[in-house]
């Protein structure tokens, strides 16, 4: 039994050591410095594709092929990056981070978009449009940007309360204005019941 436990520990120890090496590699400046510009250039590619190809039926085949090649390159890069992220943060660390769900969704949508035929209508165009959200992944790369997004999301409810208070005050003043001015300006308030 002790021999089996020692062999099992040795196997897990080797796996953990490899996982730690993959995590160090994944978190390095070089890898993150490569993935960040890939995200930005994928966004620029999507902008170019939307601008030049758009809804125009006279699609430039050469430009479409070049942009398709770039799109395939980005999908492969992001798939490898997501895989390394999954392996280096296996399992609970990966699952607990909500940004990883966004990454997985974006990569899945990119694969679906890559598998769909060119052109298309309806659902196909919506799926291709969702590729633009890859640029949101940049937020994950920068802690200061992530902090700003978290603060903005945390302020949504207090700002909505302020908006409700503003709407209530506007409604009160509207009722008071109609009541006080309806008799003096009958033409302006012709639709108000009196």
N, C-alpha and C. Protein backbone atom coordinates (compact mmCIF):
# COMPACT_ATOMS: atom_id res chain seq x y z
N UNK A 1 0.83 -1.20 0.00
CA UNK A 1 0.00 0.00 0.00
C UNK A 1 0.87 1.25 0.00
N UNK A 2 1.94 1.24 0.79
CA UNK A 2 2.83 2.40 0.85
C UNK A 2 3.50 2.63 -0.49
N UNK A 3 3.84 1.55 -1.19
CA UNK A 3 4.47 1.68 -2.50
C UNK A 3 3.51 2.31 -3.50
N UNK A 4 2.23 1.89 -3.46
CA UNK A 4 1.21 2.44 -4.37
C UNK A 4 0.98 3.92 -4.07
N UNK A 5 0.92 4.27 -2.78
CA UNK A 5 0.76 5.67 -2.42
C UNK A 5 1.95 6.50 -2.88
N UNK A 6 3.15 5.97 -2.73
CA UNK A 6 4.35 6.69 -3.16
C UNK A 6 4.36 6.88 -4.67
N UNK A 7 3.95 5.85 -5.43
CA UNK A 7 3.89 5.97 -6.88
C UNK A 7 2.82 6.97 -7.30
N UNK A 8 1.67 6.92 -6.64
CA UNK A 8 0.59 7.86 -6.94
C UNK A 8 1.02 9.29 -6.64
N UNK A 9 1.66 9.50 -5.50
CA UNK A 9 2.14 10.83 -5.15
C UNK A 9 3.17 11.30 -6.16
N UNK A 10 4.05 10.39 -6.56
CA UNK A 10 5.06 10.74 -7.55
C UNK A 10 4.44 11.15 -8.87
N UNK A 11 3.39 10.45 -9.30
CA UNK A 11 2.70 10.78 -10.53
C UNK A 11 2.04 12.14 -10.43
N UNK A 12 1.29 12.38 -9.32
CA UNK A 12 0.63 13.67 -9.14
C UNK A 12 1.65 14.79 -8.99
N UNK A 13 2.74 14.50 -8.31
CA UNK A 13 3.78 15.51 -8.15
C UNK A 13 4.35 15.92 -9.50
N UNK A 14 4.55 14.96 -10.38
CA UNK A 14 5.04 15.27 -11.73
C UNK A 14 4.02 16.10 -12.51
N UNK A 15 2.75 15.72 -12.39
CA UNK A 15 1.69 16.47 -13.09
C UNK A 15 1.63 17.89 -12.55
N UNK A 16 1.68 18.05 -11.23
CA UNK A 16 1.62 19.40 -10.64
C UNK A 16 2.82 20.23 -11.05
N UNK A 17 3.97 19.59 -11.16
CA UNK A 17 5.18 20.31 -11.55
C UNK A 17 5.04 20.80 -13.00
N UNK A 18 4.54 19.94 -13.88
CA UNK A 18 4.32 20.33 -15.28
C UNK A 18 3.28 21.44 -15.35
N UNK A 19 2.21 21.29 -14.56
CA UNK A 19 1.16 22.31 -14.55
C UNK A 19 1.73 23.65 -14.07
N UNK A 20 2.58 23.64 -13.06
CA UNK A 20 3.20 24.88 -12.57
C UNK A 20 4.09 25.50 -13.64
N UNK A 21 4.80 24.69 -14.40
CA UNK A 21 5.64 25.21 -15.48
C UNK A 21 4.78 25.83 -16.58
N UNK A 22 3.67 25.17 -16.90
CA UNK A 22 2.76 25.70 -17.92
C UNK A 22 2.16 27.02 -17.43
N UNK A 23 1.81 27.10 -16.15
CA UNK A 23 1.24 28.34 -15.60
C UNK A 23 2.27 29.47 -15.66
N UNK A 24 3.53 29.19 -15.30
CA UNK A 24 4.57 30.21 -15.38
C UNK A 24 4.73 30.69 -16.81
N UNK A 25 4.72 29.76 -17.74
CA UNK A 25 4.83 30.11 -19.16
C UNK A 25 3.62 30.93 -19.61
N UNK A 26 2.42 30.48 -19.23
CA UNK A 26 1.19 31.17 -19.64
C UNK A 26 1.12 32.58 -19.07
N UNK A 27 1.54 32.77 -17.82
CA UNK A 27 1.47 34.07 -17.17
C UNK A 27 2.66 34.97 -17.51
N UNK A 28 3.59 34.48 -18.29
CA UNK A 28 4.79 35.28 -18.60
C UNK A 28 4.43 36.48 -19.46
N UNK A 29 5.29 37.46 -19.41
CA UNK A 29 5.10 38.66 -20.21
C UNK A 29 5.10 38.35 -21.70
N UNK A 30 5.90 37.38 -22.10
CA UNK A 30 6.02 37.08 -23.52
C UNK A 30 4.72 36.52 -24.09
N UNK A 31 4.14 35.56 -23.38
CA UNK A 31 2.89 34.96 -23.87
C UNK A 31 1.75 35.98 -23.82
N UNK A 32 1.61 36.68 -22.69
CA UNK A 32 0.56 37.67 -22.57
C UNK A 32 0.81 38.85 -23.52
N UNK A 33 2.09 39.16 -23.74
CA UNK A 33 2.43 40.21 -24.69
C UNK A 33 2.14 39.83 -26.13
N UNK A 34 2.05 38.53 -26.41
CA UNK A 34 1.68 38.06 -27.74
C UNK A 34 0.16 38.00 -27.89
N UNK A 35 -0.53 37.53 -26.85
CA UNK A 35 -1.98 37.34 -26.93
C UNK A 35 -2.70 38.70 -26.98
N UNK A 36 -2.23 39.67 -26.21
CA UNK A 36 -2.87 41.00 -26.19
C UNK A 36 -2.93 41.63 -27.57
N UNK A 37 -1.81 41.76 -28.27
CA UNK A 37 -1.87 42.30 -29.63
C UNK A 37 -2.69 41.43 -30.60
N UNK A 38 -2.71 40.12 -30.38
CA UNK A 38 -3.56 39.26 -31.22
C UNK A 38 -5.03 39.63 -31.05
N UNK A 39 -5.44 39.90 -29.82
CA UNK A 39 -6.82 40.31 -29.56
C UNK A 39 -7.11 41.63 -30.27
N UNK A 40 -6.19 42.59 -30.14
CA UNK A 40 -6.38 43.89 -30.77
C UNK A 40 -6.41 43.77 -32.29
N UNK A 41 -5.50 42.97 -32.86
CA UNK A 41 -5.47 42.83 -34.31
C UNK A 41 -6.69 42.05 -34.82
N UNK A 42 -7.22 41.13 -34.02
CA UNK A 42 -8.45 40.44 -34.41
C UNK A 42 -9.61 41.43 -34.48
N UNK A 43 -9.63 42.37 -33.54
CA UNK A 43 -10.67 43.40 -33.56
C UNK A 43 -10.52 44.28 -34.81
N UNK A 44 -9.29 44.67 -35.12
CA UNK A 44 -9.06 45.49 -36.31
C UNK A 44 -9.47 44.71 -37.56
N UNK A 45 -9.19 43.43 -37.60
CA UNK A 45 -9.60 42.59 -38.74
C UNK A 45 -11.12 42.56 -38.86
N UNK A 46 -11.82 42.45 -37.72
CA UNK A 46 -13.29 42.46 -37.76
C UNK A 46 -13.82 43.80 -38.24
N UNK A 47 -13.18 44.89 -37.84
CA UNK A 47 -13.59 46.22 -38.29
C UNK A 47 -13.40 46.34 -39.80
N UNK A 48 -12.24 45.90 -40.29
CA UNK A 48 -11.97 45.94 -41.73
C UNK A 48 -12.98 45.08 -42.49
N UNK A 49 -13.25 43.90 -41.96
CA UNK A 49 -14.22 43.02 -42.61
C UNK A 49 -15.60 43.66 -42.66
N UNK A 50 -16.01 44.29 -41.57
CA UNK A 50 -17.32 44.94 -41.55
C UNK A 50 -17.36 46.13 -42.49
N UNK A 51 -16.27 46.88 -42.55
CA UNK A 51 -16.24 48.09 -43.37
C UNK A 51 -16.19 47.77 -44.86
N UNK A 52 -15.31 46.88 -45.26
CA UNK A 52 -15.11 46.63 -46.69
C UNK A 52 -16.02 45.55 -47.25
N UNK A 53 -16.35 44.57 -46.45
CA UNK A 53 -17.22 43.52 -46.97
C UNK A 53 -18.66 43.80 -46.60
N UNK A 54 -18.89 44.12 -45.32
CA UNK A 54 -20.21 44.53 -44.85
C UNK A 54 -21.36 43.74 -45.43
N UNK A 55 -22.37 44.46 -45.87
CA UNK A 55 -23.54 43.82 -46.46
C UNK A 55 -23.50 43.92 -47.98
N UNK A 56 -22.39 44.37 -48.53
CA UNK A 56 -22.25 44.51 -49.97
C UNK A 56 -22.27 43.13 -50.63
N UNK A 57 -23.07 43.00 -51.64
CA UNK A 57 -23.16 41.71 -52.33
C UNK A 57 -21.98 41.48 -53.27
N UNK A 58 -21.30 42.54 -53.67
CA UNK A 58 -20.13 42.42 -54.54
C UNK A 58 -18.88 42.27 -53.67
N UNK A 59 -18.74 41.12 -53.07
CA UNK A 59 -17.64 40.88 -52.13
C UNK A 59 -16.35 40.68 -52.91
N UNK A 60 -15.31 41.38 -52.49
CA UNK A 60 -13.98 41.19 -53.07
C UNK A 60 -13.46 39.85 -52.58
N UNK A 61 -13.36 38.87 -53.47
CA UNK A 61 -12.98 37.50 -53.10
C UNK A 61 -11.57 37.44 -52.51
N UNK A 62 -10.66 38.23 -53.05
CA UNK A 62 -9.28 38.20 -52.55
C UNK A 62 -9.21 38.74 -51.13
N UNK A 63 -9.86 39.86 -50.88
CA UNK A 63 -9.89 40.43 -49.53
C UNK A 63 -10.60 39.49 -48.57
N UNK A 64 -11.68 38.88 -49.03
CA UNK A 64 -12.41 37.94 -48.19
C UNK A 64 -11.53 36.74 -47.81
N UNK A 65 -10.72 36.26 -48.75
CA UNK A 65 -9.84 35.13 -48.47
C UNK A 65 -8.75 35.51 -47.48
N UNK A 66 -8.18 36.71 -47.63
CA UNK A 66 -7.14 37.17 -46.71
C UNK A 66 -7.71 37.33 -45.30
N UNK A 67 -8.86 37.97 -45.20
CA UNK A 67 -9.49 38.15 -43.89
C UNK A 67 -9.90 36.82 -43.28
N UNK A 68 -10.34 35.88 -44.11
CA UNK A 68 -10.67 34.54 -43.62
C UNK A 68 -9.45 33.82 -43.07
N UNK A 69 -8.31 34.01 -43.73
CA UNK A 69 -7.06 33.43 -43.24
C UNK A 69 -6.66 34.01 -41.89
N UNK A 70 -6.78 35.33 -41.76
CA UNK A 70 -6.49 35.97 -40.47
C UNK A 70 -7.44 35.46 -39.40
N UNK A 71 -8.72 35.32 -39.76
CA UNK A 71 -9.72 34.85 -38.80
C UNK A 71 -9.39 33.45 -38.31
N UNK A 72 -9.00 32.57 -39.21
CA UNK A 72 -8.62 31.21 -38.83
C UNK A 72 -7.39 31.23 -37.92
N UNK A 73 -6.42 32.06 -38.24
CA UNK A 73 -5.22 32.20 -37.40
C UNK A 73 -5.61 32.63 -35.99
N UNK A 74 -6.48 33.63 -35.88
CA UNK A 74 -6.88 34.11 -34.55
C UNK A 74 -7.64 33.04 -33.78
N UNK A 75 -8.51 32.31 -34.46
CA UNK A 75 -9.27 31.26 -33.79
C UNK A 75 -8.32 30.20 -33.23
N UNK A 76 -7.32 29.81 -34.00
CA UNK A 76 -6.35 28.81 -33.53
C UNK A 76 -5.55 29.36 -32.35
N UNK A 77 -5.09 30.60 -32.45
CA UNK A 77 -4.31 31.21 -31.36
C UNK A 77 -5.15 31.28 -30.09
N UNK A 78 -6.40 31.72 -30.21
CA UNK A 78 -7.25 31.87 -29.02
C UNK A 78 -7.64 30.51 -28.44
N UNK A 79 -7.76 29.50 -29.29
CA UNK A 79 -8.05 28.16 -28.80
C UNK A 79 -6.87 27.60 -28.01
N UNK A 80 -5.66 27.79 -28.54
CA UNK A 80 -4.46 27.34 -27.83
C UNK A 80 -4.32 28.10 -26.52
N UNK A 81 -4.56 29.41 -26.56
CA UNK A 81 -4.46 30.23 -25.34
C UNK A 81 -5.47 29.78 -24.29
N UNK A 82 -6.71 29.51 -24.71
CA UNK A 82 -7.73 29.03 -23.78
C UNK A 82 -7.36 27.66 -23.22
N UNK A 83 -6.80 26.81 -24.06
CA UNK A 83 -6.37 25.49 -23.59
C UNK A 83 -5.26 25.58 -22.56
N UNK A 84 -4.27 26.44 -22.83
CA UNK A 84 -3.20 26.64 -21.85
C UNK A 84 -3.74 27.24 -20.56
N UNK A 85 -4.69 28.15 -20.68
CA UNK A 85 -5.31 28.74 -19.50
C UNK A 85 -6.03 27.66 -18.69
N UNK A 86 -6.74 26.78 -19.37
CA UNK A 86 -7.46 25.72 -18.69
C UNK A 86 -6.50 24.76 -17.99
N UNK A 87 -5.45 24.36 -18.69
CA UNK A 87 -4.48 23.42 -18.11
C UNK A 87 -3.72 24.05 -16.95
N UNK A 88 -3.32 25.30 -17.12
CA UNK A 88 -2.51 25.93 -16.07
C UNK A 88 -3.34 26.28 -14.83
N UNK A 89 -4.63 26.45 -14.99
CA UNK A 89 -5.50 26.80 -13.85
C UNK A 89 -6.49 25.69 -13.55
N UNK A 90 -6.14 24.46 -13.87
CA UNK A 90 -7.05 23.33 -13.73
C UNK A 90 -7.46 23.15 -12.29
N UNK A 91 -8.57 22.94 -12.01
CA UNK A 91 -9.90 23.00 -12.57
C UNK A 91 -10.68 24.14 -11.91
N UNK A 92 -10.65 24.19 -10.59
CA UNK A 92 -11.50 25.13 -9.88
C UNK A 92 -11.08 26.58 -10.07
N UNK A 93 -9.80 26.82 -10.18
CA UNK A 93 -9.35 28.20 -10.40
C UNK A 93 -9.88 28.71 -11.73
N UNK A 94 -9.89 27.85 -12.72
CA UNK A 94 -10.41 28.21 -14.04
C UNK A 94 -11.92 28.44 -13.98
N UNK A 95 -12.64 27.56 -13.32
CA UNK A 95 -14.10 27.62 -13.28
C UNK A 95 -14.60 28.81 -12.47
N UNK A 96 -13.87 29.19 -11.43
CA UNK A 96 -14.31 30.29 -10.56
C UNK A 96 -14.17 31.66 -11.21
N UNK A 97 -13.32 31.79 -12.22
CA UNK A 97 -13.09 33.08 -12.85
C UNK A 97 -14.10 33.30 -13.97
N UNK A 98 -14.98 34.28 -13.82
CA UNK A 98 -16.03 34.54 -14.80
C UNK A 98 -15.47 34.97 -16.15
N UNK A 99 -14.29 35.58 -16.15
CA UNK A 99 -13.68 35.99 -17.42
C UNK A 99 -13.38 34.78 -18.29
N UNK A 100 -13.13 33.63 -17.70
CA UNK A 100 -12.86 32.43 -18.47
C UNK A 100 -14.11 31.95 -19.22
N UNK A 101 -15.29 32.20 -18.63
CA UNK A 101 -16.53 31.87 -19.34
C UNK A 101 -16.66 32.73 -20.59
N UNK A 102 -16.32 34.01 -20.46
CA UNK A 102 -16.36 34.89 -21.63
C UNK A 102 -15.37 34.41 -22.69
N UNK A 103 -14.16 34.06 -22.26
CA UNK A 103 -13.17 33.54 -23.20
C UNK A 103 -13.69 32.30 -23.91
N UNK A 104 -14.26 31.36 -23.17
CA UNK A 104 -14.76 30.12 -23.76
C UNK A 104 -15.92 30.41 -24.73
N UNK A 105 -16.80 31.33 -24.37
CA UNK A 105 -17.92 31.68 -25.25
C UNK A 105 -17.40 32.31 -26.54
N UNK A 106 -16.45 33.22 -26.41
CA UNK A 106 -15.91 33.88 -27.60
C UNK A 106 -15.20 32.89 -28.51
N UNK A 107 -14.44 31.97 -27.94
CA UNK A 107 -13.74 30.97 -28.76
C UNK A 107 -14.77 30.04 -29.42
N UNK A 108 -15.79 29.63 -28.69
CA UNK A 108 -16.83 28.77 -29.28
C UNK A 108 -17.55 29.47 -30.42
N UNK A 109 -17.91 30.74 -30.22
CA UNK A 109 -18.58 31.50 -31.28
C UNK A 109 -17.65 31.66 -32.48
N UNK A 110 -16.37 31.84 -32.22
CA UNK A 110 -15.41 31.98 -33.32
C UNK A 110 -15.32 30.68 -34.12
N UNK A 111 -15.33 29.53 -33.43
CA UNK A 111 -15.30 28.24 -34.16
C UNK A 111 -16.57 28.04 -34.96
N UNK A 112 -17.73 28.41 -34.39
CA UNK A 112 -18.99 28.28 -35.11
C UNK A 112 -18.97 29.19 -36.33
N UNK A 113 -18.47 30.41 -36.15
CA UNK A 113 -18.39 31.35 -37.25
C UNK A 113 -17.46 30.86 -38.34
N UNK A 114 -16.38 30.21 -37.95
CA UNK A 114 -15.42 29.67 -38.92
C UNK A 114 -16.03 28.50 -39.70
N UNK A 115 -16.89 27.74 -39.04
CA UNK A 115 -17.50 26.57 -39.68
C UNK A 115 -18.66 26.93 -40.60
N UNK A 116 -19.26 28.10 -40.40
CA UNK A 116 -20.42 28.48 -41.20
C UNK A 116 -19.98 28.94 -42.58
N UNK A 117 -20.85 28.77 -43.57
CA UNK A 117 -20.50 29.20 -44.93
C UNK A 117 -20.42 30.72 -45.03
N UNK A 118 -19.68 31.19 -46.04
CA UNK A 118 -19.55 32.63 -46.27
C UNK A 118 -20.92 33.22 -46.61
N UNK A 119 -21.03 34.54 -46.38
CA UNK A 119 -22.28 35.23 -46.67
C UNK A 119 -23.29 34.92 -45.60
N UNK A 120 -24.36 34.30 -45.98
CA UNK A 120 -25.35 33.88 -44.99
C UNK A 120 -26.27 34.99 -44.57
N UNK A 121 -27.33 34.60 -43.91
CA UNK A 121 -28.31 35.55 -43.42
C UNK A 121 -28.70 35.19 -42.00
N UNK A 122 -29.41 36.09 -41.37
CA UNK A 122 -30.01 35.82 -40.08
C UNK A 122 -29.04 35.42 -39.00
N UNK A 123 -29.19 34.21 -38.51
CA UNK A 123 -28.41 33.70 -37.39
C UNK A 123 -26.92 33.70 -37.69
N UNK A 124 -26.55 33.39 -38.92
CA UNK A 124 -25.14 33.34 -39.29
C UNK A 124 -24.50 34.71 -39.12
N UNK A 125 -25.20 35.76 -39.55
CA UNK A 125 -24.66 37.11 -39.42
C UNK A 125 -24.55 37.51 -37.95
N UNK A 126 -25.50 37.10 -37.13
CA UNK A 126 -25.44 37.42 -35.70
C UNK A 126 -24.25 36.73 -35.05
N UNK A 127 -24.02 35.47 -35.39
CA UNK A 127 -22.89 34.73 -34.84
C UNK A 127 -21.58 35.39 -35.25
N UNK A 128 -21.48 35.80 -36.50
CA UNK A 128 -20.27 36.49 -36.96
C UNK A 128 -20.11 37.83 -36.27
N UNK A 129 -21.20 38.49 -35.97
CA UNK A 129 -21.13 39.77 -35.28
C UNK A 129 -20.60 39.60 -33.86
N UNK A 130 -20.90 38.48 -33.22
CA UNK A 130 -20.45 38.24 -31.84
C UNK A 130 -18.94 38.12 -31.73
N UNK A 131 -18.25 37.89 -32.85
CA UNK A 131 -16.79 37.82 -32.81
C UNK A 131 -16.18 39.14 -32.36
N UNK A 132 -16.88 40.24 -32.58
CA UNK A 132 -16.37 41.55 -32.20
C UNK A 132 -16.15 41.62 -30.69
N UNK A 133 -16.88 40.84 -29.93
CA UNK A 133 -16.76 40.88 -28.47
C UNK A 133 -15.45 40.27 -27.97
N UNK A 134 -14.64 39.74 -28.88
CA UNK A 134 -13.32 39.26 -28.48
C UNK A 134 -12.48 40.36 -27.86
N UNK A 135 -12.72 41.59 -28.30
CA UNK A 135 -11.91 42.70 -27.78
C UNK A 135 -12.16 42.92 -26.28
N UNK A 136 -13.28 42.45 -25.76
CA UNK A 136 -13.57 42.57 -24.33
C UNK A 136 -12.56 41.75 -23.53
N UNK A 137 -11.97 40.75 -24.16
CA UNK A 137 -10.98 39.92 -23.46
C UNK A 137 -9.76 40.73 -23.03
N UNK A 138 -9.55 41.89 -23.66
CA UNK A 138 -8.42 42.75 -23.28
C UNK A 138 -8.58 43.20 -21.84
N UNK A 139 -9.81 43.36 -21.40
CA UNK A 139 -10.07 43.80 -20.02
C UNK A 139 -9.45 42.82 -19.04
N UNK A 140 -9.49 41.55 -19.37
CA UNK A 140 -8.93 40.53 -18.48
C UNK A 140 -7.43 40.68 -18.33
N UNK A 141 -6.78 41.20 -19.35
CA UNK A 141 -5.32 41.29 -19.34
C UNK A 141 -4.79 42.41 -18.44
N UNK A 142 -5.56 43.46 -18.25
CA UNK A 142 -5.10 44.62 -17.49
C UNK A 142 -5.89 44.74 -16.19
N UNK A 143 -5.18 44.65 -15.06
CA UNK A 143 -5.85 44.70 -13.76
C UNK A 143 -6.53 46.04 -13.53
N UNK A 144 -5.91 47.13 -13.94
CA UNK A 144 -6.51 48.44 -13.72
C UNK A 144 -7.81 48.59 -14.52
N UNK A 145 -7.83 48.07 -15.74
CA UNK A 145 -9.04 48.10 -16.55
C UNK A 145 -10.12 47.22 -15.94
N UNK A 146 -9.72 46.07 -15.40
CA UNK A 146 -10.66 45.17 -14.75
C UNK A 146 -11.28 45.83 -13.52
N UNK A 147 -10.45 46.58 -12.77
CA UNK A 147 -10.95 47.29 -11.59
C UNK A 147 -11.99 48.34 -11.98
N UNK A 148 -11.73 49.05 -13.07
CA UNK A 148 -12.67 50.07 -13.54
C UNK A 148 -13.99 49.42 -13.95
N UNK A 149 -13.92 48.30 -14.67
CA UNK A 149 -15.14 47.62 -15.10
C UNK A 149 -15.93 47.12 -13.89
N UNK A 150 -15.24 46.56 -12.90
CA UNK A 150 -15.93 46.10 -11.69
C UNK A 150 -16.60 47.26 -10.97
N UNK A 151 -15.92 48.40 -10.90
CA UNK A 151 -16.50 49.58 -10.24
C UNK A 151 -17.72 50.08 -11.01
N UNK A 152 -17.64 50.08 -12.33
CA UNK A 152 -18.79 50.52 -13.12
C UNK A 152 -19.97 49.57 -12.95
N UNK A 153 -19.69 48.28 -12.92
CA UNK A 153 -20.78 47.32 -12.72
C UNK A 153 -21.39 47.44 -11.33
N UNK A 154 -20.54 47.71 -10.33
CA UNK A 154 -21.05 47.87 -8.97
C UNK A 154 -21.89 49.15 -8.82
N UNK A 155 -21.66 50.13 -9.70
CA UNK A 155 -22.39 51.39 -9.58
C UNK A 155 -23.70 51.40 -10.36
N UNK A 156 -24.01 50.33 -11.08
CA UNK A 156 -25.23 50.30 -11.89
C UNK A 156 -26.48 50.46 -11.03
N UNK A 157 -26.58 49.74 -9.94
CA UNK A 157 -27.78 49.80 -9.10
C UNK A 157 -27.93 51.17 -8.43
N UNK A 158 -26.88 51.73 -7.80
CA UNK A 158 -27.05 53.08 -7.24
C UNK A 158 -27.40 54.13 -8.29
N UNK A 159 -26.84 54.03 -9.48
CA UNK A 159 -27.17 54.99 -10.54
C UNK A 159 -28.61 54.80 -10.99
N UNK A 160 -29.09 53.56 -11.03
CA UNK A 160 -30.49 53.34 -11.41
C UNK A 160 -31.45 53.91 -10.37
N UNK A 161 -31.08 53.85 -9.08
CA UNK A 161 -31.89 54.50 -8.04
C UNK A 161 -31.92 56.01 -8.25
N UNK A 162 -30.80 56.60 -8.60
CA UNK A 162 -30.75 58.04 -8.88
C UNK A 162 -31.63 58.37 -10.08
N UNK A 163 -31.60 57.53 -11.10
CA UNK A 163 -32.43 57.74 -12.27
C UNK A 163 -33.92 57.67 -11.92
N UNK A 164 -34.30 56.71 -11.08
CA UNK A 164 -35.70 56.62 -10.65
C UNK A 164 -36.11 57.86 -9.87
N UNK A 165 -35.23 58.36 -9.01
CA UNK A 165 -35.51 59.57 -8.24
C UNK A 165 -35.67 60.77 -9.17
N UNK A 166 -34.83 60.86 -10.19
CA UNK A 166 -34.92 61.94 -11.17
C UNK A 166 -36.23 61.85 -11.95
N UNK A 167 -36.63 60.65 -12.37
CA UNK A 167 -37.89 60.48 -13.08
C UNK A 167 -39.08 60.84 -12.20
N UNK A 168 -39.01 60.48 -10.93
CA UNK A 168 -40.09 60.81 -9.99
C UNK A 168 -40.19 62.33 -9.82
N UNK A 169 -39.06 63.01 -9.66
CA UNK A 169 -39.07 64.47 -9.52
C UNK A 169 -39.60 65.13 -10.79
N UNK A 170 -39.23 64.62 -11.96
CA UNK A 170 -39.71 65.17 -13.22
C UNK A 170 -41.22 64.98 -13.35
N UNK A 171 -41.71 63.81 -12.98
CA UNK A 171 -43.16 63.55 -13.04
C UNK A 171 -43.92 64.47 -12.10
N UNK A 172 -43.38 64.70 -10.89
CA UNK A 172 -44.04 65.60 -9.93
C UNK A 172 -44.12 67.01 -10.49
N UNK A 173 -43.00 67.52 -11.04
CA UNK A 173 -43.00 68.87 -11.59
C UNK A 173 -43.88 68.96 -12.83
N UNK A 174 -44.00 67.90 -13.62
CA UNK A 174 -44.88 67.90 -14.78
C UNK A 174 -46.34 68.02 -14.36
N UNK A 175 -46.72 67.28 -13.33
CA UNK A 175 -48.10 67.35 -12.83
C UNK A 175 -48.39 68.74 -12.27
N UNK A 176 -47.45 69.28 -11.51
CA UNK A 176 -47.63 70.63 -10.95
C UNK A 176 -47.74 71.67 -12.07
N UNK A 177 -46.92 71.57 -13.11
CA UNK A 177 -46.96 72.51 -14.22
C UNK A 177 -48.28 72.44 -14.97
N UNK A 178 -48.77 71.24 -15.21
CA UNK A 178 -50.05 71.10 -15.91
C UNK A 178 -51.17 71.69 -15.07
N UNK A 179 -51.17 71.43 -13.78
CA UNK A 179 -52.24 71.95 -12.91
C UNK A 179 -52.21 73.47 -12.81
N UNK A 180 -51.04 74.06 -12.75
CA UNK A 180 -50.96 75.52 -12.57
C UNK A 180 -51.09 76.30 -13.86
N UNK A 181 -50.72 75.73 -14.99
CA UNK A 181 -50.70 76.50 -16.24
C UNK A 181 -51.81 76.14 -17.21
N UNK A 182 -52.60 75.15 -16.93
CA UNK A 182 -53.64 74.71 -17.87
C UNK A 182 -54.69 75.79 -18.09
N UNK A 183 -55.04 76.55 -17.06
CA UNK A 183 -56.05 77.60 -17.21
C UNK A 183 -55.49 78.82 -17.92
N UNK A 184 -54.18 79.15 -17.71
CA UNK A 184 -53.59 80.34 -18.33
C UNK A 184 -53.23 80.11 -19.79
N UNK A 185 -52.91 78.91 -20.18
CA UNK A 185 -52.50 78.57 -21.54
C UNK A 185 -53.36 77.43 -22.09
N UNK A 186 -54.61 77.67 -22.40
CA UNK A 186 -55.48 76.60 -22.86
C UNK A 186 -55.06 75.99 -24.21
N UNK A 187 -54.40 76.77 -25.06
CA UNK A 187 -53.98 76.25 -26.36
C UNK A 187 -52.87 75.21 -26.17
N UNK A 188 -51.92 75.51 -25.28
CA UNK A 188 -50.80 74.60 -25.03
C UNK A 188 -51.23 73.32 -24.33
N UNK A 189 -52.26 73.41 -23.52
CA UNK A 189 -52.71 72.27 -22.72
C UNK A 189 -54.10 71.81 -23.17
N UNK A 190 -54.35 71.85 -24.48
CA UNK A 190 -55.67 71.51 -25.01
C UNK A 190 -56.02 70.04 -24.78
N UNK A 191 -55.02 69.19 -24.75
CA UNK A 191 -55.28 67.76 -24.58
C UNK A 191 -55.46 67.35 -23.13
N UNK A 192 -55.16 68.25 -22.19
CA UNK A 192 -55.28 67.87 -20.78
C UNK A 192 -56.72 67.95 -20.32
N UNK A 193 -57.19 66.96 -19.62
CA UNK A 193 -58.59 66.96 -19.17
C UNK A 193 -58.82 67.99 -18.09
N UNK A 194 -59.81 68.85 -18.26
CA UNK A 194 -60.15 69.88 -17.27
C UNK A 194 -61.63 70.04 -17.21
